PDB file of N, CA and C in Angstrom:
ATOM      1  N   MET A   1       8.245  -6.263  13.482  1.00  0.00           N
ATOM      2  CA  MET A   1       7.415  -7.343  12.972  1.00  0.00           C
ATOM      3  C   MET A   1       8.066  -7.924  11.722  1.00  0.00           C
ATOM      4  N   PRO A   2       8.264  -9.234  11.676  1.00  0.00           N
ATOM      5  CA  PRO A   2       8.880  -9.836  10.495  1.00  0.00           C
ATOM      6  C   PRO A   2       7.980  -9.709   9.272  1.00  0.00           C
ATOM      7  N   ALA A   3       8.597  -9.495   8.131  1.00  0.00           N
ATOM      8  CA  ALA A   3       7.829  -9.311   6.894  1.00  0.00           C
ATOM      9  C   ALA A   3       6.952 -10.517   6.591  1.00  0.00           C
ATOM     10  N   SER A   4       7.358 -11.697   7.022  1.00  0.00           N
ATOM     11  CA  SER A   4       6.596 -12.893   6.696  1.00  0.00           C
ATOM     12  C   SER A   4       5.203 -12.893   7.306  1.00  0.00           C
ATOM     13  N   SER A   5       4.957 -12.082   8.340  1.00  0.00           N
ATOM     14  CA  SER A   5       3.632 -12.056   8.963  1.00  0.00           C
ATOM     15  C   SER A   5       2.681 -11.104   8.250  1.00  0.00           C
ATOM     16  N   ILE A   6       3.193 -10.255   7.356  1.00  0.00           N
ATOM     17  CA  ILE A   6       2.340  -9.254   6.706  1.00  0.00           C
ATOM     18  C   ILE A   6       1.174  -9.878   5.942  1.00  0.00           C
ATOM     19  N   PRO A   7       1.353 -10.918   5.131  1.00  0.00           N
ATOM     20  CA  PRO A   7       0.193 -11.437   4.387  1.00  0.00           C
ATOM     21  C   PRO A   7      -0.936 -11.958   5.271  1.00  0.00           C
ATOM     22  N   ASP A   8      -0.642 -12.242   6.536  1.00  0.00           N
ATOM     23  CA  ASP A   8      -1.674 -12.744   7.446  1.00  0.00           C
ATOM     24  C   ASP A   8      -2.451 -11.624   8.128  1.00  0.00           C
ATOM     25  N   GLU A   9      -2.033 -10.371   7.942  1.00  0.00           N
ATOM     26  CA  GLU A   9      -2.693  -9.241   8.574  1.00  0.00           C
ATOM     27  C   GLU A   9      -3.912  -8.820   7.768  1.00  0.00           C
ATOM     28  N   PRO A  10      -4.875  -8.129   8.426  1.00  0.00           N
ATOM     29  CA  PRO A  10      -5.967  -7.515   7.657  1.00  0.00           C
ATOM     30  C   PRO A  10      -5.386  -6.553   6.624  1.00  0.00           C
ATOM     31  N   ILE A  11      -6.103  -6.356   5.537  1.00  0.00           N
ATOM     32  CA  ILE A  11      -5.557  -5.581   4.418  1.00  0.00           C
ATOM     33  C   ILE A  11      -5.185  -4.151   4.815  1.00  0.00           C
ATOM     34  N   ASP A  12      -5.976  -3.504   5.679  1.00  0.00           N
ATOM     35  CA  ASP A  12      -5.637  -2.131   6.037  1.00  0.00           C
ATOM     36  C   ASP A  12      -4.338  -2.072   6.837  1.00  0.00           C
ATOM     37  N   LEU A  13      -4.055  -3.088   7.639  1.00  0.00           N
ATOM     38  CA  LEU A  13      -2.780  -3.124   8.363  1.00  0.00           C
ATOM     39  C   LEU A  13      -1.620  -3.416   7.421  1.00  0.00           C
ATOM     40  N   GLN A  14      -1.862  -4.236   6.403  1.00  0.00           N
ATOM     41  CA  GLN A  14      -0.818  -4.480   5.405  1.00  0.00           C
ATOM     42  C   GLN A  14      -0.430  -3.167   4.735  1.00  0.00           C
ATOM     43  N   PHE A  15      -1.448  -2.381   4.345  1.00  0.00           N
ATOM     44  CA  PHE A  15      -1.153  -1.090   3.721  1.00  0.00           C
ATOM     45  C   PHE A  15      -0.364  -0.195   4.665  1.00  0.00           C
ATOM     46  N   ALA A  16      -0.761  -0.166   5.929  1.00  0.00           N
ATOM     47  CA  ALA A  16      -0.059   0.674   6.908  1.00  0.00           C
ATOM     48  C   ALA A  16       1.402   0.261   7.017  1.00  0.00           C
ATOM     49  N   ASP A  17       1.661  -1.048   7.073  1.00  0.00           N
ATOM     50  CA  ASP A  17       3.037  -1.543   7.185  1.00  0.00           C
ATOM     51  C   ASP A  17       3.853  -1.199   5.947  1.00  0.00           C
ATOM     52  N   VAL A  18       3.256  -1.365   4.780  1.00  0.00           N
ATOM     53  CA  VAL A  18       3.957  -1.081   3.527  1.00  0.00           C
ATOM     54  C   VAL A  18       4.234   0.417   3.397  1.00  0.00           C
ATOM     55  N   LEU A  19       3.218   1.241   3.600  1.00  0.00           N
ATOM     56  CA  LEU A  19       3.355   2.682   3.374  1.00  0.00           C
ATOM     57  C   LEU A  19       4.295   3.334   4.376  1.00  0.00           C
ATOM     58  N   ARG A  20       4.435   2.741   5.542  1.00  0.00           N
ATOM     59  CA  ARG A  20       5.350   3.279   6.560  1.00  0.00           C
ATOM     60  C   ARG A  20       6.797   3.192   6.067  1.00  0.00           C
ATOM     61  N   GLU A  21       7.091   2.234   5.185  1.00  0.00           N
ATOM     62  CA  GLU A  21       8.460   2.017   4.716  1.00  0.00           C
ATOM     63  C   GLU A  21       8.818   2.816   3.459  1.00  0.00           C
ATOM     64  N   VAL A  22       7.846   3.488   2.860  1.00  0.00           N
ATOM     65  CA  VAL A  22       8.070   4.192   1.588  1.00  0.00           C
ATOM     66  C   VAL A  22       8.768   5.528   1.833  1.00  0.00           C
ATOM     67  N   HIS A  23       9.670   5.877   0.928  1.00  0.00           N
ATOM     68  CA  HIS A  23      10.321   7.190   0.957  1.00  0.00           C
ATOM     69  C   HIS A  23       9.524   8.110   0.047  1.00  0.00           C
ATOM     70  N   TRP A  24       8.934   9.148   0.631  1.00  0.00           N
ATOM     71  CA  TRP A  24       8.022  10.040  -0.099  1.00  0.00           C
ATOM     72  C   TRP A  24       8.756  11.228  -0.669  1.00  0.00           C
ATOM     73  N   PRO A  25       8.297  11.805  -1.797  1.00  0.00           N
ATOM     74  CA  PRO A  25       7.215  11.311  -2.655  1.00  0.00           C
ATOM     75  C   PRO A  25       7.622  10.028  -3.373  1.00  0.00           C
ATOM     76  N   ALA A  26       6.612   9.270  -3.810  1.00  0.00           N
ATOM     77  CA  ALA A  26       6.855   7.991  -4.475  1.00  0.00           C
ATOM     78  C   ALA A  26       5.856   7.807  -5.603  1.00  0.00           C
ATOM     79  N   ASN A  27       6.311   7.119  -6.665  1.00  0.00           N
ATOM     80  CA  ASN A  27       5.381   6.821  -7.757  1.00  0.00           C
ATOM     81  C   ASN A  27       4.794   5.424  -7.546  1.00  0.00           C
ATOM     82  N   LYS A  28       3.872   5.071  -8.408  1.00  0.00           N
ATOM     83  CA  LYS A  28       3.188   3.782  -8.276  1.00  0.00           C
ATOM     84  C   LYS A  28       4.166   2.613  -8.249  1.00  0.00           C
ATOM     85  N   ASP A  29       5.159   2.625  -9.119  1.00  0.00           N
ATOM     86  CA  ASP A  29       6.112   1.516  -9.178  1.00  0.00           C
ATOM     87  C   ASP A  29       6.880   1.376  -7.866  1.00  0.00           C
ATOM     88  N   GLU A  30       7.237   2.507  -7.250  1.00  0.00           N
ATOM     89  CA  GLU A  30       7.946   2.455  -5.968  1.00  0.00           C
ATOM     90  C   GLU A  30       7.051   1.877  -4.868  1.00  0.00           C
ATOM     91  N   LEU A  31       5.750   2.189  -4.932  1.00  0.00           N
ATOM     92  CA  LEU A  31       4.813   1.640  -3.952  1.00  0.00           C
ATOM     93  C   LEU A  31       4.695   0.123  -4.107  1.00  0.00           C
ATOM     94  N   VAL A  32       4.592  -0.333  -5.359  1.00  0.00           N
ATOM     95  CA  VAL A  32       4.506  -1.770  -5.624  1.00  0.00           C
ATOM     96  C   VAL A  32       5.797  -2.465  -5.176  1.00  0.00           C
ATOM     97  N   ASP A  33       6.939  -1.870  -5.480  1.00  0.00           N
ATOM     98  CA  ASP A  33       8.220  -2.450  -5.061  1.00  0.00           C
ATOM     99  C   ASP A  33       8.304  -2.561  -3.541  1.00  0.00           C
ATOM    100  N   ALA A  34       7.855  -1.522  -2.837  1.00  0.00           N
ATOM    101  CA  ALA A  34       7.878  -1.544  -1.371  1.00  0.00           C
ATOM    102  C   ALA A  34       6.986  -2.661  -0.839  1.00  0.00           C
ATOM    103  N   ALA A  35       5.828  -2.839  -1.457  1.00  0.00           N
ATOM    104  CA  ALA A  35       4.908  -3.893  -1.025  1.00  0.00           C
ATOM    105  C   ALA A  35       5.514  -5.275  -1.268  1.00  0.00           C
ATOM    106  N   GLN A  36       6.156  -5.453  -2.429  1.00  0.00           N
ATOM    107  CA  GLN A  36       6.798  -6.737  -2.724  1.00  0.00           C
ATOM    108  C   GLN A  36       7.916  -7.016  -1.724  1.00  0.00           C
ATOM    109  N   SER A  37       8.715  -6.002  -1.428  1.00  0.00           N
ATOM    110  CA  SER A  37       9.816  -6.164  -0.473  1.00  0.00           C
ATOM    111  C   SER A  37       9.308  -6.504   0.917  1.00  0.00           C
ATOM    112  N   ALA A  38       8.142  -5.964   1.269  1.00  0.00           N
ATOM    113  CA  ALA A  38       7.561  -6.207   2.595  1.00  0.00           C
ATOM    114  C   ALA A  38       6.864  -7.555   2.683  1.00  0.00           C
ATOM    115  N   GLY A  39       6.659  -8.204   1.548  1.00  0.00           N
ATOM    116  CA  GLY A  39       5.979  -9.495   1.554  1.00  0.00           C
ATOM    117  C   GLY A  39       4.471  -9.369   1.628  1.00  0.00           C
ATOM    118  N   ALA A  40       3.928  -8.262   1.109  1.00  0.00           N
ATOM    119  CA  ALA A  40       2.483  -8.036   1.150  1.00  0.00           C
ATOM    120  C   ALA A  40       1.742  -9.076   0.311  1.00  0.00           C
ATOM    121  N   SER A  41       0.464  -9.208   0.605  1.00  0.00           N
ATOM    122  CA  SER A  41      -0.360 -10.192  -0.105  1.00  0.00           C
ATOM    123  C   SER A  41      -0.565  -9.791  -1.560  1.00  0.00           C
ATOM    124  N   ASN A  42      -0.983 -10.759  -2.372  1.00  0.00           N
ATOM    125  CA  ASN A  42      -1.271 -10.485  -3.783  1.00  0.00           C
ATOM    126  C   ASN A  42      -2.382  -9.460  -3.925  1.00  0.00           C
ATOM    127  N   GLU A  43      -3.332  -9.449  -2.990  1.00  0.00           N
ATOM    128  CA  GLU A  43      -4.426  -8.478  -3.041  1.00  0.00           C
ATOM    129  C   GLU A  43      -3.894  -7.051  -2.894  1.00  0.00           C
ATOM    130  N   VAL A  44      -2.993  -6.832  -1.953  1.00  0.00           N
ATOM    131  CA  VAL A  44      -2.395  -5.505  -1.763  1.00  0.00           C
ATOM    132  C   VAL A  44      -1.587  -5.117  -2.996  1.00  0.00           C
ATOM    133  N   LEU A  45      -0.808  -6.054  -3.515  1.00  0.00           N
ATOM    134  CA  LEU A  45      -0.012  -5.768  -4.711  1.00  0.00           C
ATOM    135  C   LEU A  45      -0.913  -5.387  -5.890  1.00  0.00           C
ATOM    136  N   ALA A  46      -2.026  -6.100  -6.046  1.00  0.00           N
ATOM    137  CA  ALA A  46      -2.942  -5.810  -7.155  1.00  0.00           C
ATOM    138  C   ALA A  46      -3.580  -4.437  -7.000  1.00  0.00           C
ATOM    139  N   ILE A  47      -3.959  -4.075  -5.788  1.00  0.00           N
ATOM    140  CA  ILE A  47      -4.569  -2.758  -5.553  1.00  0.00           C
ATOM    141  C   ILE A  47      -3.567  -1.658  -5.869  1.00  0.00           C
ATOM    142  N   LEU A  48      -2.353  -1.788  -5.364  1.00  0.00           N
ATOM    143  CA  LEU A  48      -1.335  -0.769  -5.633  1.00  0.00           C
ATOM    144  C   LEU A  48      -1.006  -0.703  -7.120  1.00  0.00           C
ATOM    145  N   ASP A  49      -0.926  -1.855  -7.770  1.00  0.00           N
ATOM    146  CA  ASP A  49      -0.596  -1.883  -9.191  1.00  0.00           C
ATOM    147  C   ASP A  49      -1.710  -1.276 -10.040  1.00  0.00           C
ATOM    148  N   GLY A  50      -2.935  -1.280  -9.516  1.00  0.00           N
ATOM    149  CA  GLY A  50      -4.059  -0.707 -10.250  1.00  0.00           C
ATOM    150  C   GLY A  50      -4.220   0.792 -10.066  1.00  0.00           C
ATOM    151  N   MET A  51      -3.374   1.390  -9.243  1.00  0.00           N
ATOM    152  CA  MET A  51      -3.468   2.838  -9.008  1.00  0.00           C
ATOM    153  C   MET A  51      -2.949   3.601 -10.217  1.00  0.00           C
ATOM    154  N   PRO A  52      -3.405   4.852 -10.378  1.00  0.00           N
ATOM    155  CA  PRO A  52      -2.919   5.668 -11.504  1.00  0.00           C
ATOM    156  C   PRO A  52      -1.412   5.895 -11.438  1.00  0.00           C
ATOM    157  N   GLU A  53      -0.787   5.988 -12.616  1.00  0.00           N
ATOM    158  CA  GLU A  53       0.640   6.295 -12.734  1.00  0.00           C
ATOM    159  C   GLU A  53       0.820   7.757 -12.404  1.00  0.00           C
ATOM    160  N   GLN A  54       1.306   8.044 -11.227  1.00  0.00           N
ATOM    161  CA  GLN A  54       1.568   9.431 -10.830  1.00  0.00           C
ATOM    162  C   GLN A  54       2.458   9.406  -9.603  1.00  0.00           C
ATOM    163  N   ASP A  55       2.911  10.592  -9.201  1.00  0.00           N
ATOM    164  CA  ASP A  55       3.681  10.704  -7.971  1.00  0.00           C
ATOM    165  C   ASP A  55       2.721  10.964  -6.822  1.00  0.00           C
ATOM    166  N   TYR A  56       2.933  10.258  -5.727  1.00  0.00           N
ATOM    167  CA  TYR A  56       2.128  10.417  -4.521  1.00  0.00           C
ATOM    168  C   TYR A  56       3.001  11.110  -3.489  1.00  0.00           C
ATOM    169  N   GLN A  57       2.465  12.170  -2.884  1.00  0.00           N
ATOM    170  CA  GLN A  57       3.266  12.999  -1.990  1.00  0.00           C
ATOM    171  C   GLN A  57       3.452  12.415  -0.595  1.00  0.00           C
ATOM    172  N   ASP A  58       2.461  11.634  -0.134  1.00  0.00           N
ATOM    173  CA  ASP A  58       2.523  11.120   1.234  1.00  0.00           C
ATOM    174  C   ASP A  58       1.545   9.961   1.413  1.00  0.00           C
ATOM    175  N   VAL A  59       1.539   9.403   2.609  1.00  0.00           N
ATOM    176  CA  VAL A  59       0.651   8.280   2.915  1.00  0.00           C
ATOM    177  C   VAL A  59      -0.802   8.665   2.679  1.00  0.00           C
ATOM    178  N   ALA A  60      -1.184   9.868   3.100  1.00  0.00           N
ATOM    179  CA  ALA A  60      -2.582  10.299   2.979  1.00  0.00           C
ATOM    180  C   ALA A  60      -3.051  10.314   1.527  1.00  0.00           C
ATOM    181  N   SER A  61      -2.183  10.700   0.599  1.00  0.00           N
ATOM    182  CA  SER A  61      -2.587  10.749  -0.810  1.00  0.00           C
ATOM    183  C   SER A  61      -2.879   9.351  -1.349  1.00  0.00           C
ATOM    184  N   VAL A  62      -2.196   8.346  -0.838  1.00  0.00           N
ATOM    185  CA  VAL A  62      -2.443   6.959  -1.253  1.00  0.00           C
ATOM    186  C   VAL A  62      -3.686   6.415  -0.557  1.00  0.00           C
ATOM    187  N   THR A  63      -3.794   6.628   0.739  1.00  0.00           N
ATOM    188  CA  THR A  63      -4.923   6.052   1.471  1.00  0.00           C
ATOM    189  C   THR A  63      -6.248   6.679   1.061  1.00  0.00           C
ATOM    190  N   ARG A  64      -6.241   7.956   0.687  1.00  0.00           N
ATOM    191  CA  ARG A  64      -7.481   8.571   0.177  1.00  0.00           C
ATOM    192  C   ARG A  64      -7.949   7.855  -1.079  1.00  0.00           C
ATOM    193  N   LEU A  65      -7.036   7.592  -1.985  1.00  0.00           N
ATOM    194  CA  LEU A  65      -7.380   6.922  -3.241  1.00  0.00           C
ATOM    195  C   LEU A  65      -7.809   5.482  -2.978  1.00  0.00           C
ATOM    196  N   ILE A  66      -7.062   4.769  -2.163  1.00  0.00           N
ATOM    197  CA  ILE A  66      -7.399   3.380  -1.860  1.00  0.00           C
ATOM    198  C   ILE A  66      -8.761   3.318  -1.184  1.00  0.00           C
ATOM    199  N   GLY A  67      -8.980   4.169  -0.198  1.00  0.00           N
ATOM    200  CA  GLY A  67     -10.239   4.164   0.531  1.00  0.00           C
ATOM    201  C   GLY A  67     -11.421   4.492  -0.350  1.00  0.00           C
ATOM    202  N   SER A  68     -11.257   5.434  -1.271  1.00  0.00           N
ATOM    203  CA  SER A  68     -12.373   5.820  -2.139  1.00  0.00           C
ATOM    204  C   SER A  68     -12.693   4.732  -3.152  1.00  0.00           C
ATOM    205  N   ASN A  69     -11.704   3.942  -3.529  1.00  0.00           N
ATOM    206  CA  ASN A  69     -11.927   2.896  -4.525  1.00  0.00           C
ATOM    207  C   ASN A  69     -12.292   1.549  -3.930  1.00  0.00           C
ATOM    208  N   TYR A  70     -11.948   1.313  -2.675  1.00  0.00           N
ATOM    209  CA  TYR A  70     -12.104  -0.033  -2.136  1.00  0.00           C
ATOM    210  C   TYR A  70     -12.956  -0.085  -0.876  1.00  0.00           C
ATOM    211  N   GLY A  71     -13.647   0.992  -0.548  1.00  0.00           N
ATOM    212  CA  GLY A  71     -14.621   0.951   0.530  1.00  0.00           C
ATOM    213  C   GLY A  71     -14.067   1.277   1.894  1.00  0.00           C
ATOM    214  N   PRO A  72     -14.963   1.389   2.863  1.00  0.00           N
ATOM    215  CA  PRO A  72     -14.566   1.761   4.225  1.00  0.00           C
ATOM    216  C   PRO A  72     -13.682   0.700   4.855  1.00  0.00           C
ATOM    217  N   GLY A  73     -12.771   1.162   5.699  1.00  0.00           N
ATOM    218  CA  GLY A  73     -11.886   0.245   6.409  1.00  0.00           C
ATOM    219  C   GLY A  73     -10.550   0.069   5.729  1.00  0.00           C
ATOM    220  N   VAL A  74     -10.499   0.231   4.421  1.00  0.00           N
ATOM    221  CA  VAL A  74      -9.231   0.116   3.715  1.00  0.00           C
ATOM    222  C   VAL A  74      -8.606   1.488   3.647  1.00  0.00           C
ATOM    223  N   GLY A  75      -7.410   1.590   4.147  1.00  0.00           N
ATOM    224  CA  GLY A  75      -6.701   2.865   4.126  1.00  0.00           C
ATOM    225  C   GLY A  75      -7.133   3.811   5.219  1.00  0.00           C
ATOM    226  N   ALA A  76      -7.969   3.361   6.115  1.00  0.00           N
ATOM    227  CA  ALA A  76      -8.439   4.251   7.185  1.00  0.00           C
ATOM    228  C   ALA A  76      -7.407   4.352   8.282  1.00  0.00           C
TER     229      ALA A  76
END
């Protein structure tokens, strides 16, 4: 899927596309960089940028945090 189509996807699919490309473990800055490289929407970039500064071990550690802060359907 071309990166240019990512901003048109539902937000949970954008996260899935971005997180699939990350090399784990990753810190917040690496997650934001991956999202920017993938062409994610400003909303996804803002959510990732608002996450705590820490190392994330895997996709599940990010999606748990995103889901708990942004409601059902995001990160599921």
